[in-house]
Amino acid sequence: MTHAQKLQRMHQHLPMLGIPESVFAPPLYAMFWKLGMPLAPPLFASFWSLTLLFSIIGALAFALLQAFVPLPIEEQVAAAAGAHALPLALGLIVGLGMAYYYRRLARTHDLPAWSDYRGQPA
């Protein structure tokens, strides 16, 4: 079964479980899929791959926030641990939180690995 066929079946199967499309196919993943990247959906990805992806996104978001909005603790953090410590730490927290959320939801619904997924309950 191809990646596109699995995605199509996923779009039919997961709403029946009560999982919203914004959770099983977030816009960032939809963009990756339209670009032809066969990335496993977040509910089927490993904890560490989710942590890595969402940590990078979180760190970039917080770095942009830090660049445009002066934070009151910015001077203290810059002096103590370097100017990039805060976005990296917050990005890691976001990454771990999102990975935990997606893996817990996948376990709740007993979803298999993406390589084993066939579009129906296990």
PDB file of N, CA and C in Angstrom:
ATOM      1  N   MET A   1       0.847  -1.175   0.000  1.00  0.00           N
ATOM      2  CA  MET A   1       0.000   0.000   0.000  1.00  0.00           C
ATOM      3  C   MET A   1       0.897   1.245   0.000  1.00  0.00           C
ATOM      4  N   THR A   2       0.597   2.192  -0.849  1.00  0.00           N
ATOM      5  CA  THR A   2       1.415   3.396  -0.949  1.00  0.00           C
ATOM      6  C   THR A   2       1.091   4.365   0.186  1.00  0.00           C
ATOM      7  N   HIS A   3       1.975   5.345   0.336  1.00  0.00           N
ATOM      8  CA  HIS A   3       1.783   6.367   1.363  1.00  0.00           C
ATOM      9  C   HIS A   3       0.470   7.125   1.134  1.00  0.00           C
ATOM     10  N   ALA A   4       0.190   7.475  -0.123  1.00  0.00           N
ATOM     11  CA  ALA A   4      -1.037   8.209  -0.448  1.00  0.00           C
ATOM     12  C   ALA A   4      -2.286   7.380  -0.129  1.00  0.00           C
ATOM     13  N   GLN A   5      -2.241   6.087  -0.400  1.00  0.00           N
ATOM     14  CA  GLN A   5      -3.386   5.219  -0.079  1.00  0.00           C
ATOM     15  C   GLN A   5      -3.595   5.123   1.427  1.00  0.00           C
ATOM     16  N   LYS A   6      -2.503   5.033   2.181  1.00  0.00           N
ATOM     17  CA  LYS A   6      -2.614   4.994   3.633  1.00  0.00           C
ATOM     18  C   LYS A   6      -3.211   6.296   4.169  1.00  0.00           C
ATOM     19  N   LEU A   7      -2.779   7.424   3.601  1.00  0.00           N
ATOM     20  CA  LEU A   7      -3.324   8.714   4.034  1.00  0.00           C
ATOM     21  C   LEU A   7      -4.821   8.785   3.765  1.00  0.00           C
ATOM     22  N   GLN A   8      -5.228   8.296   2.604  1.00  0.00           N
ATOM     23  CA  GLN A   8      -6.648   8.305   2.253  1.00  0.00           C
ATOM     24  C   GLN A   8      -7.445   7.444   3.239  1.00  0.00           C
ATOM     25  N   ARG A   9      -6.945   6.277   3.551  1.00  0.00           N
ATOM     26  CA  ARG A   9      -7.635   5.408   4.514  1.00  0.00           C
ATOM     27  C   ARG A   9      -7.631   6.009   5.913  1.00  0.00           C
ATOM     28  N   MET A  10      -6.540   6.666   6.264  1.00  0.00           N
ATOM     29  CA  MET A  10      -6.459   7.315   7.566  1.00  0.00           C
ATOM     30  C   MET A  10      -7.534   8.394   7.693  1.00  0.00           C
ATOM     31  N   HIS A  11      -7.743   9.159   6.603  1.00  0.00           N
ATOM     32  CA  HIS A  11      -8.760  10.211   6.614  1.00  0.00           C
ATOM     33  C   HIS A  11     -10.177   9.642   6.754  1.00  0.00           C
ATOM     34  N   GLN A  12     -10.369   8.388   6.413  1.00  0.00           N
ATOM     35  CA  GLN A  12     -11.674   7.738   6.593  1.00  0.00           C
ATOM     36  C   GLN A  12     -11.783   7.089   7.965  1.00  0.00           C
ATOM     37  N   HIS A  13     -10.698   6.499   8.449  1.00  0.00           N
ATOM     38  CA  HIS A  13     -10.710   5.696   9.669  1.00  0.00           C
ATOM     39  C   HIS A  13     -10.702   6.540  10.951  1.00  0.00           C
ATOM     40  N   LEU A  14      -9.777   7.492  11.057  1.00  0.00           N
ATOM     41  CA  LEU A  14      -9.595   8.200  12.319  1.00  0.00           C
ATOM     42  C   LEU A  14     -10.774   9.087  12.734  1.00  0.00           C
ATOM     43  N   PRO A  15     -11.500   9.714  11.815  1.00  0.00           N
ATOM     44  CA  PRO A  15     -12.702  10.445  12.267  1.00  0.00           C
ATOM     45  C   PRO A  15     -13.741   9.529  12.921  1.00  0.00           C
ATOM     46  N   MET A  16     -13.778   8.255  12.515  1.00  0.00           N
ATOM     47  CA  MET A  16     -14.703   7.311  13.148  1.00  0.00           C
ATOM     48  C   MET A  16     -14.316   7.047  14.603  1.00  0.00           C
ATOM     49  N   LEU A  17     -13.052   7.277  14.939  1.00  0.00           N
ATOM     50  CA  LEU A  17     -12.592   7.114  16.313  1.00  0.00           C
ATOM     51  C   LEU A  17     -12.790   8.390  17.133  1.00  0.00           C
ATOM     52  N   GLY A  18     -13.278   9.442  16.475  1.00  0.00           N
ATOM     53  CA  GLY A  18     -13.500  10.707  17.165  1.00  0.00           C
ATOM     54  C   GLY A  18     -12.275  11.604  17.208  1.00  0.00           C
ATOM     55  N   ILE A  19     -11.294  11.324  16.374  1.00  0.00           N
ATOM     56  CA  ILE A  19     -10.081  12.139  16.332  1.00  0.00           C
ATOM     57  C   ILE A  19     -10.254  13.195  15.235  1.00  0.00           C
ATOM     58  N   PRO A  20     -10.154  14.476  15.583  1.00  0.00           N
ATOM     59  CA  PRO A  20     -10.327  15.527  14.574  1.00  0.00           C
ATOM     60  C   PRO A  20      -9.182  15.545  13.547  1.00  0.00           C
ATOM     61  N   GLU A  21      -9.496  15.999  12.357  1.00  0.00           N
ATOM     62  CA  GLU A  21      -8.492  16.064  11.293  1.00  0.00           C
ATOM     63  C   GLU A  21      -7.327  16.971  11.675  1.00  0.00           C
ATOM     64  N   SER A  22      -7.597  18.025  12.426  1.00  0.00           N
ATOM     65  CA  SER A  22      -6.524  18.930  12.829  1.00  0.00           C
ATOM     66  C   SER A  22      -5.509  18.243  13.734  1.00  0.00           C
ATOM     67  N   VAL A  23      -5.889  17.129  14.337  1.00  0.00           N
ATOM     68  CA  VAL A  23      -4.980  16.366  15.194  1.00  0.00           C
ATOM     69  C   VAL A  23      -4.219  15.321  14.385  1.00  0.00           C
ATOM     70  N   PHE A  24      -4.918  14.550  13.549  1.00  0.00           N
ATOM     71  CA  PHE A  24      -4.218  13.478  12.835  1.00  0.00           C
ATOM     72  C   PHE A  24      -3.554  13.946  11.544  1.00  0.00           C
ATOM     73  N   ALA A  25      -3.926  15.104  11.042  1.00  0.00           N
ATOM     74  CA  ALA A  25      -3.288  15.656   9.841  1.00  0.00           C
ATOM     75  C   ALA A  25      -3.124  17.173   9.999  1.00  0.00           C
ATOM     76  N   PRO A  26      -2.224  17.603  10.907  1.00  0.00           N
ATOM     77  CA  PRO A  26      -2.034  19.040  11.109  1.00  0.00           C
ATOM     78  C   PRO A  26      -1.553  19.721   9.827  1.00  0.00           C
ATOM     79  N   PRO A  27      -1.798  21.024   9.704  1.00  0.00           N
ATOM     80  CA  PRO A  27      -1.439  21.740   8.467  1.00  0.00           C
ATOM     81  C   PRO A  27       0.024  21.586   8.053  1.00  0.00           C
ATOM     82  N   LEU A  28       0.948  21.555   9.008  1.00  0.00           N
ATOM     83  CA  LEU A  28       2.355  21.405   8.659  1.00  0.00           C
ATOM     84  C   LEU A  28       2.602  20.060   7.978  1.00  0.00           C
ATOM     85  N   TYR A  29       1.997  19.006   8.501  1.00  0.00           N
ATOM     86  CA  TYR A  29       2.133  17.679   7.887  1.00  0.00           C
ATOM     87  C   TYR A  29       1.468  17.650   6.516  1.00  0.00           C
ATOM     88  N   ALA A  30       0.299  18.265   6.389  1.00  0.00           N
ATOM     89  CA  ALA A  30      -0.385  18.318   5.095  1.00  0.00           C
ATOM     90  C   ALA A  30       0.496  19.007   4.053  1.00  0.00           C
ATOM     91  N   MET A  31       1.214  20.053   4.484  1.00  0.00           N
ATOM     92  CA  MET A  31       2.119  20.748   3.572  1.00  0.00           C
ATOM     93  C   MET A  31       3.257  19.816   3.145  1.00  0.00           C
ATOM     94  N   PHE A  32       3.822  19.084   4.109  1.00  0.00           N
ATOM     95  CA  PHE A  32       4.887  18.131   3.776  1.00  0.00           C
ATOM     96  C   PHE A  32       4.385  17.081   2.779  1.00  0.00           C
ATOM     97  N   TRP A  33       3.177  16.573   3.002  1.00  0.00           N
ATOM     98  CA  TRP A  33       2.618  15.542   2.120  1.00  0.00           C
ATOM     99  C   TRP A  33       2.384  16.093   0.724  1.00  0.00           C
ATOM    100  N   LYS A  34       1.903  17.336   0.617  1.00  0.00           N
ATOM    101  CA  LYS A  34       1.682  17.935  -0.703  1.00  0.00           C
ATOM    102  C   LYS A  34       3.001  18.163  -1.444  1.00  0.00           C
ATOM    103  N   LEU A  35       4.068  18.357  -0.679  1.00  0.00           N
ATOM    104  CA  LEU A  35       5.389  18.510  -1.290  1.00  0.00           C
ATOM    105  C   LEU A  35       6.012  17.167  -1.667  1.00  0.00           C
ATOM    106  N   GLY A  36       5.288  16.079  -1.389  1.00  0.00           N
ATOM    107  CA  GLY A  36       5.745  14.747  -1.761  1.00  0.00           C
ATOM    108  C   GLY A  36       6.628  14.064  -0.729  1.00  0.00           C
ATOM    109  N   MET A  37       6.674  14.601   0.482  1.00  0.00           N
ATOM    110  CA  MET A  37       7.487  13.982   1.535  1.00  0.00           C
ATOM    111  C   MET A  37       6.660  12.903   2.231  1.00  0.00           C
ATOM    112  N   PRO A  38       7.096  11.653   2.218  1.00  0.00           N
ATOM    113  CA  PRO A  38       6.329  10.566   2.832  1.00  0.00           C
ATOM    114  C   PRO A  38       6.538  10.493   4.348  1.00  0.00           C
ATOM    115  N   LEU A  39       6.199  11.564   5.024  1.00  0.00           N
ATOM    116  CA  LEU A  39       6.358  11.659   6.474  1.00  0.00           C
ATOM    117  C   LEU A  39       5.198  10.957   7.164  1.00  0.00           C
ATOM    118  N   ALA A  40       5.491  10.127   8.153  1.00  0.00           N
ATOM    119  CA  ALA A  40       4.436   9.437   8.901  1.00  0.00           C
ATOM    120  C   ALA A  40       3.605  10.457   9.663  1.00  0.00           C
ATOM    121  N   PRO A  41       2.277  10.307   9.677  1.00  0.00           N
ATOM    122  CA  PRO A  41       1.432  11.222  10.445  1.00  0.00           C
ATOM    123  C   PRO A  41       1.820  11.207  11.922  1.00  0.00           C
ATOM    124  N   PRO A  42       1.569  12.301  12.646  1.00  0.00           N
ATOM    125  CA  PRO A  42       2.043  12.376  14.025  1.00  0.00           C
ATOM    126  C   PRO A  42       1.529  11.253  14.932  1.00  0.00           C
ATOM    127  N   LEU A  43       0.331  10.751  14.699  1.00  0.00           N
ATOM    128  CA  LEU A  43      -0.186   9.670  15.535  1.00  0.00           C
ATOM    129  C   LEU A  43       0.519   8.341  15.280  1.00  0.00           C
ATOM    130  N   PHE A  44       1.278   8.254  14.216  1.00  0.00           N
ATOM    131  CA  PHE A  44       1.961   7.013  13.855  1.00  0.00           C
ATOM    132  C   PHE A  44       3.486   7.147  13.924  1.00  0.00           C
ATOM    133  N   ALA A  45       3.972   8.311  14.326  1.00  0.00           N
ATOM    134  CA  ALA A  45       5.413   8.561  14.396  1.00  0.00           C
ATOM    135  C   ALA A  45       5.949   8.164  15.768  1.00  0.00           C
ATOM    136  N   SER A  46       7.250   7.975  15.836  1.00  0.00           N
ATOM    137  CA  SER A  46       7.882   7.596  17.109  1.00  0.00           C
ATOM    138  C   SER A  46       7.967   8.813  18.033  1.00  0.00           C
ATOM    139  N   PHE A  47       8.109   8.518  19.310  1.00  0.00           N
ATOM    140  CA  PHE A  47       8.205   9.576  20.315  1.00  0.00           C
ATOM    141  C   PHE A  47       9.365  10.518  19.998  1.00  0.00           C
ATOM    142  N   TRP A  48      10.531   9.959  19.659  1.00  0.00           N
ATOM    143  CA  TRP A  48      11.715  10.793  19.458  1.00  0.00           C
ATOM    144  C   TRP A  48      11.660  11.589  18.157  1.00  0.00           C
ATOM    145  N   SER A  49      11.043  11.048  17.117  1.00  0.00           N
ATOM    146  CA  SER A  49      10.916  11.838  15.888  1.00  0.00           C
ATOM    147  C   SER A  49       9.948  12.999  16.094  1.00  0.00           C
ATOM    148  N   LEU A  50       8.879  12.756  16.860  1.00  0.00           N
ATOM    149  CA  LEU A  50       7.958  13.845  17.201  1.00  0.00           C
ATOM    150  C   LEU A  50       8.647  14.897  18.063  1.00  0.00           C
ATOM    151  N   THR A  51       9.424  14.429  19.038  1.00  0.00           N
ATOM    152  CA  THR A  51      10.148  15.359  19.905  1.00  0.00           C
ATOM    153  C   THR A  51      11.080  16.242  19.083  1.00  0.00           C
ATOM    154  N   LEU A  52      11.816  15.647  18.167  1.00  0.00           N
ATOM    155  CA  LEU A  52      12.754  16.401  17.332  1.00  0.00           C
ATOM    156  C   LEU A  52      12.023  17.434  16.481  1.00  0.00           C
ATOM    157  N   LEU A  53      10.999  17.005  15.757  1.00  0.00           N
ATOM    158  CA  LEU A  53      10.277  17.913  14.867  1.00  0.00           C
ATOM    159  C   LEU A  53       9.633  19.067  15.638  1.00  0.00           C
ATOM    160  N   PHE A  54       8.906  18.759  16.698  1.00  0.00           N
ATOM    161  CA  PHE A  54       8.208  19.815  17.425  1.00  0.00           C
ATOM    162  C   PHE A  54       9.161  20.672  18.259  1.00  0.00           C
ATOM    163  N   SER A  55      10.308  20.134  18.666  1.00  0.00           N
ATOM    164  CA  SER A  55      11.307  20.949  19.357  1.00  0.00           C
ATOM    165  C   SER A  55      11.895  21.987  18.405  1.00  0.00           C
ATOM    166  N   ILE A  56      12.167  21.575  17.182  1.00  0.00           N
ATOM    167  CA  ILE A  56      12.692  22.519  16.192  1.00  0.00           C
ATOM    168  C   ILE A  56      11.665  23.607  15.905  1.00  0.00           C
ATOM    169  N   ILE A  57      10.430  23.215  15.693  1.00  0.00           N
ATOM    170  CA  ILE A  57       9.369  24.195  15.421  1.00  0.00           C
ATOM    171  C   ILE A  57       9.193  25.135  16.612  1.00  0.00           C
ATOM    172  N   GLY A  58       9.151  24.567  17.822  1.00  0.00           N
ATOM    173  CA  GLY A  58       8.985  25.384  19.022  1.00  0.00           C
ATOM    174  C   GLY A  58      10.141  26.337  19.234  1.00  0.00           C
ATOM    175  N   ALA A  59      11.369  25.853  19.041  1.00  0.00           N
ATOM    176  CA  ALA A  59      12.544  26.709  19.220  1.00  0.00           C
ATOM    177  C   ALA A  59      12.547  27.850  18.206  1.00  0.00           C
ATOM    178  N   LEU A  60      12.193  27.556  16.960  1.00  0.00           N
ATOM    179  CA  LEU A  60      12.125  28.614  15.946  1.00  0.00           C
ATOM    180  C   LEU A  60      11.044  29.636  16.284  1.00  0.00           C
ATOM    181  N   ALA A  61       9.896  29.154  16.738  1.00  0.00           N
ATOM    182  CA  ALA A  61       8.809  30.068  17.107  1.00  0.00           C
ATOM    183  C   ALA A  61       9.221  30.968  18.271  1.00  0.00           C
ATOM    184  N   PHE A  62       9.841  30.383  19.287  1.00  0.00           N
ATOM    185  CA  PHE A  62      10.262  31.193  20.432  1.00  0.00           C
ATOM    186  C   PHE A  62      11.413  32.121  20.076  1.00  0.00           C
ATOM    187  N   ALA A  63      12.298  31.721  19.155  1.00  0.00           N
ATOM    188  CA  ALA A  63      13.381  32.600  18.715  1.00  0.00           C
ATOM    189  C   ALA A  63      12.812  33.810  17.975  1.00  0.00           C
ATOM    190  N   LEU A  64      11.795  33.566  17.129  1.00  0.00           N
ATOM    191  CA  LEU A  64      11.146  34.692  16.450  1.00  0.00           C
ATOM    192  C   LEU A  64      10.446  35.600  17.444  1.00  0.00           C
ATOM    193  N   LEU A  65       9.782  35.007  18.414  1.00  0.00           N
ATOM    194  CA  LEU A  65       9.124  35.799  19.452  1.00  0.00           C
ATOM    195  C   LEU A  65      10.147  36.631  20.209  1.00  0.00           C
ATOM    196  N   GLN A  66      11.266  36.028  20.560  1.00  0.00           N
ATOM    197  CA  GLN A  66      12.316  36.718  21.292  1.00  0.00           C
ATOM    198  C   GLN A  66      12.925  37.849  20.454  1.00  0.00           C
ATOM    199  N   ALA A  67      12.996  37.669  19.140  1.00  0.00           N
ATOM    200  CA  ALA A  67      13.572  38.685  18.271  1.00  0.00           C
ATOM    201  C   ALA A  67      12.676  39.912  18.147  1.00  0.00           C
ATOM    202  N   PHE A  68      11.361  39.714  18.218  1.00  0.00           N
ATOM    203  CA  PHE A  68      10.441  40.822  17.984  1.00  0.00           C
ATOM    204  C   PHE A  68       9.765  41.359  19.236  1.00  0.00           C
ATOM    205  N   VAL A  69       9.729  40.575  20.294  1.00  0.00           N
ATOM    206  CA  VAL A  69       9.088  41.006  21.534  1.00  0.00           C
ATOM    207  C   VAL A  69      10.121  40.935  22.647  1.00  0.00           C
ATOM    208  N   PRO A  70      10.469  42.079  23.222  1.00  0.00           N
ATOM    209  CA  PRO A  70      11.458  42.034  24.301  1.00  0.00           C
ATOM    210  C   PRO A  70      10.883  41.326  25.532  1.00  0.00           C
ATOM    211  N   LEU A  71      11.614  40.333  26.000  1.00  0.00           N
ATOM    212  CA  LEU A  71      11.182  39.581  27.168  1.00  0.00           C
ATOM    213  C   LEU A  71      11.921  40.105  28.401  1.00  0.00           C
ATOM    214  N   PRO A  72      11.231  40.260  29.531  1.00  0.00           N
ATOM    215  CA  PRO A  72      11.884  40.841  30.706  1.00  0.00           C
ATOM    216  C   PRO A  72      13.043  40.005  31.242  1.00  0.00           C
ATOM    217  N   ILE A  73      13.018  38.702  31.026  1.00  0.00           N
ATOM    218  CA  ILE A  73      14.103  37.867  31.545  1.00  0.00           C
ATOM    219  C   ILE A  73      15.206  37.656  30.512  1.00  0.00           C
ATOM    220  N   GLU A  74      15.070  38.285  29.364  1.00  0.00           N
ATOM    221  CA  GLU A  74      16.033  38.059  28.285  1.00  0.00           C
ATOM    222  C   GLU A  74      17.454  38.430  28.699  1.00  0.00           C
ATOM    223  N   GLU A  75      17.638  39.540  29.385  1.00  0.00           N
ATOM    224  CA  GLU A  75      18.983  39.965  29.778  1.00  0.00           C
ATOM    225  C   GLU A  75      19.595  38.990  30.775  1.00  0.00           C
ATOM    226  N   GLN A  76      18.791  38.502  31.714  1.00  0.00           N
ATOM    227  CA  GLN A  76      19.294  37.551  32.709  1.00  0.00           C
ATOM    228  C   GLN A  76      19.694  36.242  32.038  1.00  0.00           C
ATOM    229  N   VAL A  77      18.859  35.770  31.134  1.00  0.00           N
ATOM    230  CA  VAL A  77      19.152  34.506  30.448  1.00  0.00           C
ATOM    231  C   VAL A  77      20.370  34.665  29.561  1.00  0.00           C
ATOM    232  N   ALA A  78      20.465  35.775  28.844  1.00  0.00           N
ATOM    233  CA  ALA A  78      21.609  36.006  27.960  1.00  0.00           C
ATOM    234  C   ALA A  78      22.903  36.041  28.759  1.00  0.00           C
ATOM    235  N   ALA A  79      22.864  36.631  29.928  1.00  0.00           N
ATOM    236  CA  ALA A  79      24.066  36.705  30.753  1.00  0.00           C
ATOM    237  C   ALA A  79      24.414  35.344  31.340  1.00  0.00           C
ATOM    238  N   ALA A  80      23.418  34.588  31.739  1.00  0.00           N
ATOM    239  CA  ALA A  80      23.671  33.328  32.436  1.00  0.00           C
ATOM    240  C   ALA A  80      24.000  32.180  31.495  1.00  0.00           C
ATOM    241  N   ALA A  81      23.262  32.009  30.434  1.00  0.00           N
ATOM    242  CA  ALA A  81      23.422  30.802  29.619  1.00  0.00           C
ATOM    243  C   ALA A  81      23.533  31.063  28.132  1.00  0.00           C
ATOM    244  N   GLY A  82      23.611  32.282  27.729  1.00  0.00           N
ATOM    245  CA  GLY A  82      23.683  32.586  26.307  1.00  0.00           C
ATOM    246  C   GLY A  82      22.324  32.984  25.768  1.00  0.00           C
ATOM    247  N   ALA A  83      22.334  33.743  24.706  1.00  0.00           N
ATOM    248  CA  ALA A  83      21.100  34.311  24.162  1.00  0.00           C
ATOM    249  C   ALA A  83      20.169  33.260  23.568  1.00  0.00           C
ATOM    250  N   HIS A  84      20.692  32.084  23.227  1.00  0.00           N
ATOM    251  CA  HIS A  84      19.863  31.073  22.570  1.00  0.00           C
ATOM    252  C   HIS A  84      19.312  30.021  23.521  1.00  0.00           C
ATOM    253  N   ALA A  85      19.618  30.133  24.778  1.00  0.00           N
ATOM    254  CA  ALA A  85      19.199  29.104  25.736  1.00  0.00           C
ATOM    255  C   ALA A  85      17.693  29.063  25.926  1.00  0.00           C
ATOM    256  N   LEU A  86      17.064  30.224  26.020  1.00  0.00           N
ATOM    257  CA  LEU A  86      15.624  30.254  26.285  1.00  0.00           C
ATOM    258  C   LEU A  86      14.810  29.625  25.153  1.00  0.00           C
ATOM    259  N   PRO A  87      15.003  30.025  23.893  1.00  0.00           N
ATOM    260  CA  PRO A  87      14.227  29.365  22.825  1.00  0.00           C
ATOM    261  C   PRO A  87      14.495  27.868  22.721  1.00  0.00           C
ATOM    262  N   LEU A  88      15.745  27.453  22.933  1.00  0.00           N
ATOM    263  CA  LEU A  88      16.062  26.028  22.863  1.00  0.00           C
ATOM    264  C   LEU A  88      15.378  25.257  23.981  1.00  0.00           C
ATOM    265  N   ALA A  89      15.411  25.799  25.181  1.00  0.00           N
ATOM    266  CA  ALA A  89      14.770  25.124  26.320  1.00  0.00           C
ATOM    267  C   ALA A  89      13.254  25.068  26.136  1.00  0.00           C
ATOM    268  N   LEU A  90      12.662  26.181  25.732  1.00  0.00           N
ATOM    269  CA  LEU A  90      11.214  26.189  25.524  1.00  0.00           C
ATOM    270  C   LEU A  90      10.822  25.295  24.356  1.00  0.00           C
ATOM    271  N   GLY A  91      11.646  25.265  23.308  1.00  0.00           N
ATOM    272  CA  GLY A  91      11.384  24.378  22.178  1.00  0.00           C
ATOM    273  C   GLY A  91      11.414  22.916  22.593  1.00  0.00           C
ATOM    274  N   LEU A  92      12.368  22.559  23.447  1.00  0.00           N
ATOM    275  CA  LEU A  92      12.447  21.182  23.936  1.00  0.00           C
ATOM    276  C   LEU A  92      11.218  20.824  24.769  1.00  0.00           C
ATOM    277  N   ILE A  93      10.776  21.755  25.590  1.00  0.00           N
ATOM    278  CA  ILE A  93       9.568  21.515  26.394  1.00  0.00           C
ATOM    279  C   ILE A  93       8.361  21.297  25.487  1.00  0.00           C
ATOM    280  N   VAL A  94       8.226  22.129  24.461  1.00  0.00           N
ATOM    281  CA  VAL A  94       7.121  21.977  23.502  1.00  0.00           C
ATOM    282  C   VAL A  94       7.235  20.623  22.792  1.00  0.00           C
ATOM    283  N   GLY A  95       8.429  20.278  22.352  1.00  0.00           N
ATOM    284  CA  GLY A  95       8.642  19.013  21.644  1.00  0.00           C
ATOM    285  C   GLY A  95       8.287  17.810  22.490  1.00  0.00           C
ATOM    286  N   LEU A  96       8.732  17.798  23.733  1.00  0.00           N
ATOM    287  CA  LEU A  96       8.417  16.677  24.624  1.00  0.00           C
ATOM    288  C   LEU A  96       6.919  16.610  24.927  1.00  0.00           C
ATOM    289  N   GLY A  97       6.309  17.768  25.111  1.00  0.00           N
ATOM    290  CA  GLY A  97       4.864  17.797  25.387  1.00  0.00           C
ATOM    291  C   GLY A  97       4.032  17.294  24.218  1.00  0.00           C
ATOM    292  N   MET A  98       4.368  17.728  23.029  1.00  0.00           N
ATOM    293  CA  MET A  98       3.625  17.293  21.848  1.00  0.00           C
ATOM    294  C   MET A  98       3.848  15.801  21.580  1.00  0.00           C
ATOM    295  N   ALA A  99       5.072  15.332  21.748  1.00  0.00           N
ATOM    296  CA  ALA A  99       5.355  13.911  21.546  1.00  0.00           C
ATOM    297  C   ALA A  99       4.565  13.069  22.542  1.00  0.00           C
ATOM    298  N   TYR A 100       4.522  13.497  23.789  1.00  0.00           N
ATOM    299  CA  TYR A 100       3.750  12.776  24.804  1.00  0.00           C
ATOM    300  C   TYR A 100       2.266  12.745  24.431  1.00  0.00           C
ATOM    301  N   TYR A 101       1.735  13.895  24.016  1.00  0.00           N
ATOM    302  CA  TYR A 101       0.318  13.984  23.650  1.00  0.00           C
ATOM    303  C   TYR A 101      -0.016  13.018  22.512  1.00  0.00           C
ATOM    304  N   TYR A 102       0.767  13.046  21.437  1.00  0.00           N
ATOM    305  CA  TYR A 102       0.468  12.204  20.275  1.00  0.00           C
ATOM    306  C   TYR A 102       0.654  10.716  20.571  1.00  0.00           C
ATOM    307  N   ARG A 103       1.707  10.360  21.307  1.00  0.00           N
ATOM    308  CA  ARG A 103       1.913   8.940  21.615  1.00  0.00           C
ATOM    309  C   ARG A 103       0.846   8.415  22.573  1.00  0.00           C
ATOM    310  N   ARG A 104       0.416   9.262  23.502  1.00  0.00           N
ATOM    311  CA  ARG A 104      -0.645   8.838  24.427  1.00  0.00           C
ATOM    312  C   ARG A 104      -1.953   8.630  23.671  1.00  0.00           C
ATOM    313  N   LEU A 105      -2.285   9.526  22.758  1.00  0.00           N
ATOM    314  CA  LEU A 105      -3.500   9.389  21.952  1.00  0.00           C
ATOM    315  C   LEU A 105      -3.424   8.142  21.070  1.00  0.00           C
ATOM    316  N   ALA A 106      -2.265   7.877  20.505  1.00  0.00           N
ATOM    317  CA  ALA A 106      -2.098   6.685  19.665  1.00  0.00           C
ATOM    318  C   ALA A 106      -2.272   5.414  20.487  1.00  0.00           C
ATOM    319  N   ARG A 107      -1.718   5.396  21.703  1.00  0.00           N
ATOM    320  CA  ARG A 107      -1.891   4.229  22.575  1.00  0.00           C
ATOM    321  C   ARG A 107      -3.340   4.056  23.000  1.00  0.00           C
ATOM    322  N   THR A 108      -4.019   5.161  23.268  1.00  0.00           N
ATOM    323  CA  THR A 108      -5.423   5.103  23.669  1.00  0.00           C
ATOM    324  C   THR A 108      -6.271   4.424  22.607  1.00  0.00           C
ATOM    325  N   HIS A 109      -5.972   4.704  21.342  1.00  0.00           N
ATOM    326  CA  HIS A 109      -6.745   4.135  20.231  1.00  0.00           C
ATOM    327  C   HIS A 109      -6.078   2.904  19.628  1.00  0.00           C
ATOM    328  N   ASP A 110      -5.023   2.422  20.252  1.00  0.00           N
ATOM    329  CA  ASP A 110      -4.319   1.210  19.830  1.00  0.00           C
ATOM    330  C   ASP A 110      -3.916   1.268  18.358  1.00  0.00           C
ATOM    331  N   LEU A 111      -3.307   2.392  17.968  1.00  0.00           N
ATOM    332  CA  LEU A 111      -2.885   2.564  16.578  1.00  0.00           C
ATOM    333  C   LEU A 111      -1.514   1.922  16.372  1.00  0.00           C
ATOM    334  N   PRO A 112      -1.329   1.197  15.274  1.00  0.00           N
ATOM    335  CA  PRO A 112      -0.038   0.541  15.009  1.00  0.00           C
ATOM    336  C   PRO A 112       0.982   1.535  14.454  1.00  0.00           C
ATOM    337  N   ALA A 113       2.176   1.048  14.203  1.00  0.00           N
ATOM    338  CA  ALA A 113       3.191   1.849  13.517  1.00  0.00           C
ATOM    339  C   ALA A 113       2.699   2.144  12.095  1.00  0.00           C
ATOM    340  N   TRP A 114       3.188   3.205  11.493  1.00  0.00           N
ATOM    341  CA  TRP A 114       2.750   3.597  10.151  1.00  0.00           C
ATOM    342  C   TRP A 114       3.038   2.493   9.132  1.00  0.00           C
ATOM    343  N   SER A 115       4.128   1.795   9.298  1.00  0.00           N
ATOM    344  CA  SER A 115       4.468   0.722   8.360  1.00  0.00           C
ATOM    345  C   SER A 115       3.474  -0.446   8.439  1.00  0.00           C
ATOM    346  N   ASP A 116       2.809  -0.607   9.588  1.00  0.00           N
ATOM    347  CA  ASP A 116       1.843  -1.690   9.772  1.00  0.00           C
ATOM    348  C   ASP A 116       0.393  -1.257   9.582  1.00  0.00           C
ATOM    349  N   TYR A 117       0.178   0.035   9.383  1.00  0.00           N
ATOM    350  CA  TYR A 117      -1.194   0.558   9.302  1.00  0.00           C
ATOM    351  C   TYR A 117      -1.853   0.164   7.988  1.00  0.00           C
ATOM    352  N   ARG A 118      -3.109  -0.282   8.086  1.00  0.00           N
ATOM    353  CA  ARG A 118      -3.876  -0.700   6.908  1.00  0.00           C
ATOM    354  C   ARG A 118      -5.208   0.047   6.793  1.00  0.00           C
ATOM    355  N   GLY A 119      -5.470   0.963   7.698  1.00  0.00           N
ATOM    356  CA  GLY A 119      -6.678   1.782   7.581  1.00  0.00           C
ATOM    357  C   GLY A 119      -7.893   1.241   8.263  1.00  0.00           C
ATOM    358  N   GLN A 120      -7.728   0.278   9.103  1.00  0.00           N
ATOM    359  CA  GLN A 120      -8.869  -0.236   9.858  1.00  0.00           C
ATOM    360  C   GLN A 120      -8.400  -0.528  11.282  1.00  0.00           C
ATOM    361  N   PRO A 121      -9.308  -0.707  12.200  1.00  0.00           N
ATOM    362  CA  PRO A 121      -8.896  -0.995  13.574  1.00  0.00           C
ATOM    363  C   PRO A 121      -8.040  -2.249  13.636  1.00  0.00           C
ATOM    364  N   ALA A 122      -7.076  -2.229  14.561  1.00  0.00           N
ATOM    365  CA  ALA A 122      -6.181  -3.380  14.716  1.00  0.00           C
ATOM    366  C   ALA A 122      -6.881  -4.558  15.360  1.00  0.00           C
TER     367      ALA A 122
END
